[in-house]
Amino acid sequence: QVRLVESGGGLVQSGGSLRLSCAAPGFSLDRNAIGWFRQAPGKEREGVACIRSTDFGTYYADSVKGRFTISRDNAWNTGYLQMDNLKPEDTAVYYCATVDCWDSIVVVTSPVFHSWGRGTQVTVSS
């Protein structure tokens, strides 16, 4: 059963911004690290960013470092990915999951994550 819901994607021009949300309606995310992943057509899914639940520490893939900012609001059981200075190569379906978040992003199953959701499409035009 899919319990994480992604939203906020859309079509934006190169250099533009989008803010993605990851919600867990009816469930608590405050004990889980949250990670964002993306999958472009013909490519494998890759980890983009993650944020821990304890110290709010973060990790970013080199490809998005300095352009994307991950955050979370435990009161609202929601995670966010602010994406600025978007590039055409950022075009992908973006997904969220519960993860281990240290010097890499590793998916872990949890009460709120057993399988990938539908994701949200981000398209960046040049």
Foldseek 3Di string as FASTA:
>chain_A
DAFKDKDWADEEAQQAKIKMKIAGPPDFCLQFKKWKWWDDPPGDIATAKIAHNPPRDMEGDPVQPPFWDKDDDRVRRMIMIIGGSDDQVVWTFMWMATFDGDHGTGHDDDPNDDDTDPGHTHGYHD
